[in-house]
Amino acid sequence: MTGIITVAIGVGLAVSLIFSELFGLAAGGMVVPGYFALFLDQPVNVSMTVVASLLTFFLIHLLSNIVIVYGKRRTVLMILVGFLVRSLFDALPVWALAPLQALQIQQPLETAEPVQVIGYIIPGLIAIWLDRQGVVETLSALFIASTAIRLILILAFGTELHL
C-alpha cells in the first residue's frame, strides 16, 4: 500500500500546481504544502517552522545588504541557512522548549511529541518563496493549500493521520 507521505506529497503537487495556475501564487514550493498538511495537527511545530522560515528570510535579507546574493547563490543560501536554523533550534536545551511543548494540544506533557521544526529543507524552501512573492502571499497560500490537502487526506484515509 502506498504510504501516507507519498500520497500527501502527490496530492500536494497537484494542489500546488492548481494554486499556481489559478491564483499565480506558489504555496512555499511544490512539495511543502503536502508535507505541511501532515503536521497541521501539531500547531506548535508548524509555528516553529514558520518562525524558522522567517528567520532564514531575514538573515539572508541582512546578508544581501553586505554581499551580492542573487540567483542560484540566493536559492542555495536560503536552503543552507534554513538547514542551519533548524539545526540551531534542535540544539536548544530541552528546558528552553518546555513551555512550547506544554502548548501541544493533543497529548499530556509526558507523552507529547517533541517540539521541532518540520523537516530540514522545508524552512529554506518556504524562505525562498517569502523572498520571491512576499510574506503574506506565501504564508496565506501555504496554509490554504495545506488545509485543502489535509481535507483530501482525511477524506481518503479517515480522521487518523499519523506518520
N, C-alpha and C. Protein backbone atom coordinates (compact mmCIF):
# COMPACT_ATOMS: atom_id res chain seq x y z
N MET A 1 0.84 -1.19 0.00
CA MET A 1 0.00 0.00 0.00
C MET A 1 0.89 1.25 0.00
N THR A 2 0.45 2.24 -0.71
CA THR A 2 1.19 3.50 -0.79
C THR A 2 1.13 4.21 0.56
N GLY A 3 2.28 4.71 0.99
CA GLY A 3 2.35 5.40 2.27
C GLY A 3 1.65 6.74 2.23
N ILE A 4 1.24 7.18 3.41
CA ILE A 4 0.52 8.45 3.51
C ILE A 4 1.40 9.63 3.10
N ILE A 5 2.71 9.53 3.37
CA ILE A 5 3.61 10.63 2.99
C ILE A 5 3.67 10.76 1.47
N THR A 6 3.74 9.62 0.80
CA THR A 6 3.79 9.63 -0.67
C THR A 6 2.52 10.24 -1.25
N VAL A 7 1.38 9.84 -0.71
CA VAL A 7 0.10 10.38 -1.20
C VAL A 7 0.00 11.87 -0.89
N ALA A 8 0.43 12.27 0.31
CA ALA A 8 0.37 13.69 0.70
C ALA A 8 1.21 14.54 -0.24
N ILE A 9 2.40 14.07 -0.57
CA ILE A 9 3.26 14.84 -1.48
C ILE A 9 2.67 14.86 -2.88
N GLY A 10 2.11 13.74 -3.33
CA GLY A 10 1.48 13.70 -4.66
C GLY A 10 0.29 14.63 -4.75
N VAL A 11 -0.59 14.59 -3.75
CA VAL A 11 -1.75 15.50 -3.72
C VAL A 11 -1.25 16.94 -3.60
N GLY A 12 -0.19 17.13 -2.81
CA GLY A 12 0.39 18.46 -2.65
C GLY A 12 0.91 19.03 -3.96
N LEU A 13 1.53 18.18 -4.76
CA LEU A 13 2.00 18.63 -6.08
C LEU A 13 0.83 19.10 -6.94
N ALA A 14 -0.25 18.32 -6.93
CA ALA A 14 -1.43 18.69 -7.74
C ALA A 14 -2.05 19.99 -7.24
N VAL A 15 -2.24 20.10 -5.93
CA VAL A 15 -2.85 21.31 -5.36
C VAL A 15 -1.94 22.52 -5.58
N SER A 16 -0.64 22.34 -5.44
CA SER A 16 0.31 23.44 -5.68
C SER A 16 0.24 23.92 -7.12
N LEU A 17 0.14 22.98 -8.04
CA LEU A 17 0.02 23.34 -9.45
C LEU A 17 -1.27 24.11 -9.71
N ILE A 18 -2.36 23.66 -9.12
CA ILE A 18 -3.65 24.35 -9.27
C ILE A 18 -3.55 25.76 -8.70
N PHE A 19 -2.97 25.92 -7.51
CA PHE A 19 -2.80 27.25 -6.92
C PHE A 19 -1.96 28.14 -7.81
N SER A 20 -0.91 27.58 -8.34
CA SER A 20 -0.02 28.36 -9.20
C SER A 20 -0.73 28.82 -10.47
N GLU A 21 -1.50 27.93 -11.07
CA GLU A 21 -2.21 28.25 -12.32
C GLU A 21 -3.39 29.18 -12.09
N LEU A 22 -4.18 28.92 -11.05
CA LEU A 22 -5.39 29.72 -10.81
C LEU A 22 -5.11 31.08 -10.19
N PHE A 23 -4.22 31.10 -9.21
CA PHE A 23 -4.01 32.32 -8.44
C PHE A 23 -2.66 32.98 -8.67
N GLY A 24 -1.76 32.29 -9.37
CA GLY A 24 -0.43 32.83 -9.59
C GLY A 24 0.42 32.88 -8.34
N LEU A 25 0.07 32.06 -7.35
CA LEU A 25 0.80 32.04 -6.09
C LEU A 25 1.42 30.67 -5.86
N ALA A 26 2.65 30.67 -5.41
CA ALA A 26 3.29 29.42 -5.01
C ALA A 26 3.09 29.26 -3.51
N ALA A 27 2.73 28.07 -3.12
CA ALA A 27 2.44 27.79 -1.71
C ALA A 27 3.71 27.31 -1.00
N GLY A 28 4.77 28.08 -1.10
CA GLY A 28 6.01 27.71 -0.43
C GLY A 28 6.80 26.63 -1.13
N GLY A 29 6.55 26.42 -2.39
CA GLY A 29 7.22 25.36 -3.14
C GLY A 29 6.22 24.27 -3.51
N MET A 30 6.65 23.33 -4.31
CA MET A 30 5.72 22.30 -4.80
C MET A 30 5.48 21.19 -3.77
N VAL A 31 6.49 20.81 -3.00
CA VAL A 31 6.32 19.69 -2.08
C VAL A 31 5.96 20.14 -0.66
N VAL A 32 6.18 21.38 -0.35
CA VAL A 32 5.99 21.87 1.02
C VAL A 32 4.55 21.74 1.51
N PRO A 33 3.52 22.13 0.75
CA PRO A 33 2.16 22.04 1.27
C PRO A 33 1.72 20.62 1.62
N GLY A 34 2.12 19.65 0.81
CA GLY A 34 1.77 18.26 1.11
C GLY A 34 2.41 17.78 2.39
N TYR A 35 3.65 18.12 2.57
CA TYR A 35 4.38 17.74 3.78
C TYR A 35 3.83 18.49 4.99
N PHE A 36 3.53 19.77 4.81
CA PHE A 36 2.97 20.61 5.88
C PHE A 36 1.61 20.09 6.33
N ALA A 37 0.80 19.60 5.38
CA ALA A 37 -0.54 19.11 5.69
C ALA A 37 -0.51 17.98 6.71
N LEU A 38 0.54 17.19 6.69
CA LEU A 38 0.66 16.08 7.63
C LEU A 38 0.88 16.54 9.06
N PHE A 39 1.30 17.79 9.23
CA PHE A 39 1.64 18.29 10.56
C PHE A 39 0.67 19.37 11.06
N LEU A 40 -0.45 19.55 10.39
CA LEU A 40 -1.39 20.59 10.82
C LEU A 40 -2.01 20.29 12.18
N ASP A 41 -1.93 19.04 12.62
CA ASP A 41 -2.43 18.71 13.95
C ASP A 41 -1.39 18.98 15.04
N GLN A 42 -0.25 19.54 14.66
CA GLN A 42 0.81 19.91 15.59
C GLN A 42 1.13 21.40 15.41
N PRO A 43 0.24 22.27 15.91
CA PRO A 43 0.38 23.70 15.62
C PRO A 43 1.68 24.33 16.14
N VAL A 44 2.23 23.80 17.21
CA VAL A 44 3.48 24.36 17.73
C VAL A 44 4.62 24.08 16.74
N ASN A 45 4.66 22.87 16.19
CA ASN A 45 5.69 22.54 15.21
C ASN A 45 5.52 23.35 13.93
N VAL A 46 4.28 23.56 13.53
CA VAL A 46 4.00 24.40 12.35
C VAL A 46 4.48 25.83 12.62
N SER A 47 4.18 26.34 13.80
CA SER A 47 4.61 27.70 14.16
C SER A 47 6.13 27.80 14.20
N MET A 48 6.79 26.79 14.76
CA MET A 48 8.26 26.80 14.81
C MET A 48 8.85 26.80 13.41
N THR A 49 8.21 26.08 12.49
CA THR A 49 8.69 26.03 11.11
C THR A 49 8.53 27.38 10.44
N VAL A 50 7.40 28.04 10.67
CA VAL A 50 7.19 29.37 10.10
C VAL A 50 8.21 30.36 10.69
N VAL A 51 8.46 30.28 11.99
CA VAL A 51 9.46 31.15 12.62
C VAL A 51 10.84 30.89 12.02
N ALA A 52 11.20 29.62 11.84
CA ALA A 52 12.49 29.28 11.23
C ALA A 52 12.58 29.82 9.81
N SER A 53 11.48 29.75 9.07
CA SER A 53 11.46 30.27 7.70
C SER A 53 11.62 31.78 7.67
N LEU A 54 10.91 32.46 8.55
CA LEU A 54 11.02 33.92 8.63
C LEU A 54 12.42 34.34 9.06
N LEU A 55 13.00 33.62 10.02
CA LEU A 55 14.36 33.92 10.46
C LEU A 55 15.35 33.73 9.31
N THR A 56 15.17 32.66 8.56
CA THR A 56 16.02 32.40 7.39
C THR A 56 15.90 33.54 6.38
N PHE A 57 14.67 33.92 6.09
CA PHE A 57 14.40 35.01 5.14
C PHE A 57 15.09 36.30 5.59
N PHE A 58 14.94 36.66 6.87
CA PHE A 58 15.52 37.91 7.35
C PHE A 58 17.05 37.85 7.42
N LEU A 59 17.61 36.69 7.76
CA LEU A 59 19.07 36.56 7.77
C LEU A 59 19.66 36.75 6.38
N ILE A 60 19.03 36.15 5.38
CA ILE A 60 19.52 36.31 4.00
C ILE A 60 19.32 37.75 3.53
N HIS A 61 18.21 38.35 3.94
CA HIS A 61 17.97 39.76 3.58
C HIS A 61 19.06 40.66 4.17
N LEU A 62 19.43 40.41 5.43
CA LEU A 62 20.51 41.18 6.05
C LEU A 62 21.84 40.91 5.35
N LEU A 63 22.10 39.66 5.03
CA LEU A 63 23.34 39.29 4.34
C LEU A 63 23.42 39.96 2.97
N SER A 64 22.28 40.10 2.31
CA SER A 64 22.28 40.70 0.96
C SER A 64 22.60 42.19 1.00
N ASN A 65 22.54 42.81 2.17
CA ASN A 65 22.97 44.21 2.30
C ASN A 65 24.49 44.32 2.32
N ILE A 66 25.17 43.21 2.61
CA ILE A 66 26.63 43.20 2.71
C ILE A 66 27.26 42.56 1.48
N VAL A 67 26.66 41.48 1.01
CA VAL A 67 27.22 40.68 -0.08
C VAL A 67 26.19 40.62 -1.20
N ILE A 68 26.66 40.54 -2.43
CA ILE A 68 25.74 40.39 -3.56
C ILE A 68 25.23 38.95 -3.57
N VAL A 69 23.94 38.80 -3.33
CA VAL A 69 23.33 37.48 -3.27
C VAL A 69 22.13 37.48 -4.21
N TYR A 70 22.22 36.71 -5.30
CA TYR A 70 21.12 36.64 -6.25
C TYR A 70 21.17 35.30 -6.97
N GLY A 71 20.10 34.95 -7.65
CA GLY A 71 20.06 33.75 -8.48
C GLY A 71 20.25 32.47 -7.71
N LYS A 72 21.05 31.57 -8.29
CA LYS A 72 21.28 30.26 -7.68
C LYS A 72 21.94 30.39 -6.31
N ARG A 73 22.82 31.35 -6.19
CA ARG A 73 23.51 31.56 -4.91
C ARG A 73 22.50 31.89 -3.81
N ARG A 74 21.51 32.73 -4.13
CA ARG A 74 20.50 33.10 -3.15
C ARG A 74 19.65 31.89 -2.77
N THR A 75 19.28 31.10 -3.77
CA THR A 75 18.47 29.90 -3.52
C THR A 75 19.21 28.92 -2.63
N VAL A 76 20.46 28.65 -2.96
CA VAL A 76 21.26 27.71 -2.16
C VAL A 76 21.48 28.25 -0.75
N LEU A 77 21.75 29.55 -0.62
CA LEU A 77 21.93 30.13 0.70
C LEU A 77 20.66 30.05 1.54
N MET A 78 19.51 30.26 0.92
CA MET A 78 18.24 30.14 1.66
C MET A 78 18.10 28.73 2.23
N ILE A 79 18.34 27.73 1.40
CA ILE A 79 18.20 26.34 1.86
C ILE A 79 19.25 26.02 2.92
N LEU A 80 20.48 26.46 2.71
CA LEU A 80 21.55 26.19 3.66
C LEU A 80 21.30 26.89 5.00
N VAL A 81 20.92 28.15 4.96
CA VAL A 81 20.64 28.88 6.20
C VAL A 81 19.41 28.28 6.89
N GLY A 82 18.40 27.88 6.13
CA GLY A 82 17.24 27.19 6.72
C GLY A 82 17.65 25.91 7.43
N PHE A 83 18.55 25.17 6.81
CA PHE A 83 19.09 23.95 7.41
C PHE A 83 19.81 24.28 8.72
N LEU A 84 20.62 25.33 8.69
CA LEU A 84 21.37 25.72 9.89
C LEU A 84 20.45 26.24 10.99
N VAL A 85 19.41 26.98 10.62
CA VAL A 85 18.44 27.46 11.61
C VAL A 85 17.73 26.28 12.26
N ARG A 86 17.33 25.29 11.45
CA ARG A 86 16.71 24.08 12.01
C ARG A 86 17.68 23.40 12.97
N SER A 87 18.94 23.29 12.58
CA SER A 87 19.94 22.66 13.44
C SER A 87 20.13 23.46 14.73
N LEU A 88 20.08 24.78 14.64
CA LEU A 88 20.18 25.63 15.83
C LEU A 88 19.00 25.39 16.76
N PHE A 89 17.79 25.30 16.20
CA PHE A 89 16.61 25.02 17.02
C PHE A 89 16.72 23.65 17.69
N ASP A 90 17.29 22.68 16.98
CA ASP A 90 17.49 21.34 17.56
C ASP A 90 18.47 21.38 18.72
N ALA A 91 19.43 22.31 18.65
CA ALA A 91 20.46 22.39 19.69
C ALA A 91 19.98 23.12 20.94
N LEU A 92 18.80 23.72 20.89
CA LEU A 92 18.29 24.41 22.07
C LEU A 92 18.09 23.39 23.19
N PRO A 93 18.40 23.78 24.42
CA PRO A 93 18.20 22.85 25.53
C PRO A 93 16.71 22.52 25.72
N VAL A 94 16.45 21.35 26.25
CA VAL A 94 15.07 20.88 26.43
C VAL A 94 14.27 21.85 27.28
N TRP A 95 14.88 22.42 28.32
CA TRP A 95 14.13 23.33 29.19
C TRP A 95 13.68 24.59 28.46
N ALA A 96 14.39 24.98 27.41
CA ALA A 96 14.00 26.17 26.64
C ALA A 96 12.73 25.92 25.83
N LEU A 97 12.48 24.67 25.48
CA LEU A 97 11.30 24.33 24.68
C LEU A 97 10.14 23.81 25.52
N ALA A 98 10.34 23.63 26.82
CA ALA A 98 9.29 23.08 27.69
C ALA A 98 7.99 23.90 27.64
N PRO A 99 8.05 25.25 27.68
CA PRO A 99 6.80 26.00 27.59
C PRO A 99 6.06 25.75 26.27
N LEU A 100 6.81 25.60 25.18
CA LEU A 100 6.18 25.31 23.89
C LEU A 100 5.60 23.91 23.87
N GLN A 101 6.31 22.97 24.47
CA GLN A 101 5.83 21.59 24.49
C GLN A 101 4.53 21.49 25.28
N ALA A 102 4.38 22.33 26.30
CA ALA A 102 3.15 22.32 27.08
C ALA A 102 1.96 22.81 26.26
N LEU A 103 2.23 23.53 25.17
CA LEU A 103 1.15 24.03 24.32
C LEU A 103 0.61 22.98 23.36
N GLN A 104 1.31 21.86 23.20
CA GLN A 104 0.83 20.81 22.30
C GLN A 104 -0.56 20.40 22.77
N ILE A 105 -1.52 20.45 21.87
CA ILE A 105 -2.92 20.28 22.21
C ILE A 105 -3.30 18.84 22.51
N GLN A 106 -2.80 17.91 21.74
CA GLN A 106 -3.34 16.57 21.75
C GLN A 106 -2.97 15.73 22.97
N GLN A 107 -1.79 15.89 23.50
CA GLN A 107 -1.30 14.94 24.46
C GLN A 107 -0.82 15.62 25.73
N PRO A 108 -0.84 14.86 26.85
CA PRO A 108 -0.23 15.41 28.06
C PRO A 108 1.28 15.56 27.88
N LEU A 109 1.91 16.36 28.71
CA LEU A 109 3.32 16.70 28.56
C LEU A 109 4.22 15.47 28.55
N GLU A 110 3.88 14.44 29.33
CA GLU A 110 4.73 13.26 29.42
C GLU A 110 4.80 12.50 28.09
N THR A 111 3.72 12.51 27.32
CA THR A 111 3.67 11.74 26.07
C THR A 111 3.64 12.62 24.83
N ALA A 112 3.84 13.92 25.01
CA ALA A 112 3.75 14.84 23.88
C ALA A 112 4.88 14.61 22.89
N GLU A 113 4.58 14.86 21.63
CA GLU A 113 5.59 14.79 20.58
C GLU A 113 6.63 15.88 20.85
N PRO A 114 7.87 15.66 20.48
CA PRO A 114 8.87 16.70 20.69
C PRO A 114 8.57 17.93 19.83
N VAL A 115 8.88 19.09 20.38
CA VAL A 115 8.72 20.33 19.63
C VAL A 115 9.91 20.46 18.69
N GLN A 116 9.62 20.61 17.40
CA GLN A 116 10.70 20.69 16.43
C GLN A 116 10.22 21.38 15.16
N VAL A 117 11.18 21.84 14.40
CA VAL A 117 10.90 22.41 13.08
C VAL A 117 10.63 21.25 12.13
N ILE A 118 9.66 21.41 11.24
CA ILE A 118 9.30 20.36 10.29
C ILE A 118 10.35 20.31 9.19
N GLY A 119 11.02 19.19 9.08
CA GLY A 119 11.98 18.98 8.00
C GLY A 119 13.23 19.84 8.13
N TYR A 120 14.22 19.51 7.32
CA TYR A 120 15.47 20.28 7.33
C TYR A 120 15.53 21.29 6.20
N ILE A 121 14.93 20.98 5.06
CA ILE A 121 14.99 21.94 3.96
C ILE A 121 13.69 22.72 3.80
N ILE A 122 12.64 22.31 4.52
CA ILE A 122 11.34 23.00 4.43
C ILE A 122 11.47 24.49 4.79
N PRO A 123 12.13 24.87 5.89
CA PRO A 123 12.25 26.31 6.18
C PRO A 123 12.93 27.09 5.06
N GLY A 124 13.95 26.51 4.45
CA GLY A 124 14.63 27.19 3.34
C GLY A 124 13.75 27.32 2.12
N LEU A 125 12.98 26.26 1.81
CA LEU A 125 12.08 26.33 0.65
C LEU A 125 11.00 27.39 0.86
N ILE A 126 10.46 27.45 2.07
CA ILE A 126 9.45 28.48 2.35
C ILE A 126 10.10 29.87 2.26
N ALA A 127 11.31 30.01 2.80
CA ALA A 127 12.00 31.30 2.77
C ALA A 127 12.25 31.78 1.34
N ILE A 128 12.54 30.85 0.44
CA ILE A 128 12.74 31.22 -0.97
C ILE A 128 11.50 31.92 -1.50
N TRP A 129 10.32 31.37 -1.20
CA TRP A 129 9.09 31.97 -1.71
C TRP A 129 8.66 33.19 -0.92
N LEU A 130 9.04 33.27 0.36
CA LEU A 130 8.82 34.51 1.10
C LEU A 130 9.56 35.65 0.42
N ASP A 131 10.76 35.35 -0.05
CA ASP A 131 11.59 36.34 -0.74
C ASP A 131 11.03 36.69 -2.11
N ARG A 132 10.56 35.69 -2.85
CA ARG A 132 10.12 35.90 -4.23
C ARG A 132 8.76 36.58 -4.35
N GLN A 133 7.81 36.19 -3.50
CA GLN A 133 6.46 36.72 -3.71
C GLN A 133 5.87 37.44 -2.50
N GLY A 134 6.56 37.47 -1.38
CA GLY A 134 6.08 38.20 -0.23
C GLY A 134 5.63 37.29 0.90
N VAL A 135 5.69 37.84 2.11
CA VAL A 135 5.38 37.06 3.31
C VAL A 135 3.91 36.69 3.38
N VAL A 136 3.03 37.67 3.27
CA VAL A 136 1.59 37.40 3.40
C VAL A 136 1.11 36.47 2.31
N GLU A 137 1.52 36.72 1.08
CA GLU A 137 1.07 35.90 -0.04
C GLU A 137 1.52 34.44 0.12
N THR A 138 2.78 34.25 0.48
CA THR A 138 3.31 32.89 0.61
C THR A 138 2.67 32.14 1.76
N LEU A 139 2.61 32.78 2.93
CA LEU A 139 2.05 32.08 4.10
C LEU A 139 0.55 31.82 3.92
N SER A 140 -0.17 32.76 3.32
CA SER A 140 -1.60 32.54 3.06
C SER A 140 -1.80 31.36 2.12
N ALA A 141 -1.08 31.36 1.02
CA ALA A 141 -1.20 30.26 0.05
C ALA A 141 -0.78 28.94 0.68
N LEU A 142 0.27 28.95 1.49
CA LEU A 142 0.75 27.73 2.13
C LEU A 142 -0.30 27.14 3.06
N PHE A 143 -0.90 27.97 3.90
CA PHE A 143 -1.88 27.44 4.86
C PHE A 143 -3.18 27.03 4.18
N ILE A 144 -3.61 27.76 3.18
CA ILE A 144 -4.84 27.38 2.47
C ILE A 144 -4.62 26.08 1.70
N ALA A 145 -3.50 25.97 1.00
CA ALA A 145 -3.20 24.75 0.24
C ALA A 145 -3.02 23.56 1.18
N SER A 146 -2.32 23.76 2.28
CA SER A 146 -2.10 22.67 3.24
C SER A 146 -3.41 22.19 3.85
N THR A 147 -4.30 23.13 4.14
CA THR A 147 -5.60 22.76 4.70
C THR A 147 -6.42 21.97 3.67
N ALA A 148 -6.40 22.40 2.43
CA ALA A 148 -7.11 21.66 1.37
C ALA A 148 -6.54 20.25 1.21
N ILE A 149 -5.23 20.14 1.25
CA ILE A 149 -4.59 18.82 1.14
C ILE A 149 -4.95 17.96 2.34
N ARG A 150 -4.94 18.54 3.52
CA ARG A 150 -5.31 17.80 4.74
C ARG A 150 -6.74 17.29 4.62
N LEU A 151 -7.64 18.10 4.11
CA LEU A 151 -9.03 17.68 3.92
C LEU A 151 -9.11 16.50 2.96
N ILE A 152 -8.38 16.56 1.86
CA ILE A 152 -8.37 15.45 0.89
C ILE A 152 -7.81 14.19 1.55
N LEU A 153 -6.76 14.32 2.34
CA LEU A 153 -6.18 13.16 3.03
C LEU A 153 -7.15 12.57 4.04
N ILE A 154 -7.88 13.42 4.75
CA ILE A 154 -8.87 12.92 5.71
C ILE A 154 -9.97 12.18 4.99
N LEU A 155 -10.41 12.71 3.86
CA LEU A 155 -11.44 12.01 3.08
C LEU A 155 -10.93 10.68 2.54
N ALA A 156 -9.66 10.61 2.20
CA ALA A 156 -9.10 9.39 1.63
C ALA A 156 -8.72 8.36 2.69
N PHE A 157 -8.17 8.80 3.82
CA PHE A 157 -7.63 7.88 4.81
C PHE A 157 -8.41 7.82 6.12
N GLY A 158 -9.36 8.70 6.32
CA GLY A 158 -10.06 8.77 7.60
C GLY A 158 -9.44 9.85 8.47
N THR A 159 -9.97 10.00 9.66
CA THR A 159 -9.55 11.10 10.52
C THR A 159 -8.19 10.89 11.17
N GLU A 160 -7.74 9.66 11.30
CA GLU A 160 -6.46 9.39 11.95
C GLU A 160 -5.32 9.44 10.93
N LEU A 161 -4.60 10.53 10.91
CA LEU A 161 -3.47 10.69 10.00
C LEU A 161 -2.19 10.73 10.83
N HIS A 162 -1.62 9.57 11.07
CA HIS A 162 -0.38 9.51 11.85
C HIS A 162 0.73 9.02 10.95
N LEU A 163 1.89 9.62 11.10
CA LEU A 163 3.06 9.22 10.31
C LEU A 163 3.63 7.93 10.83
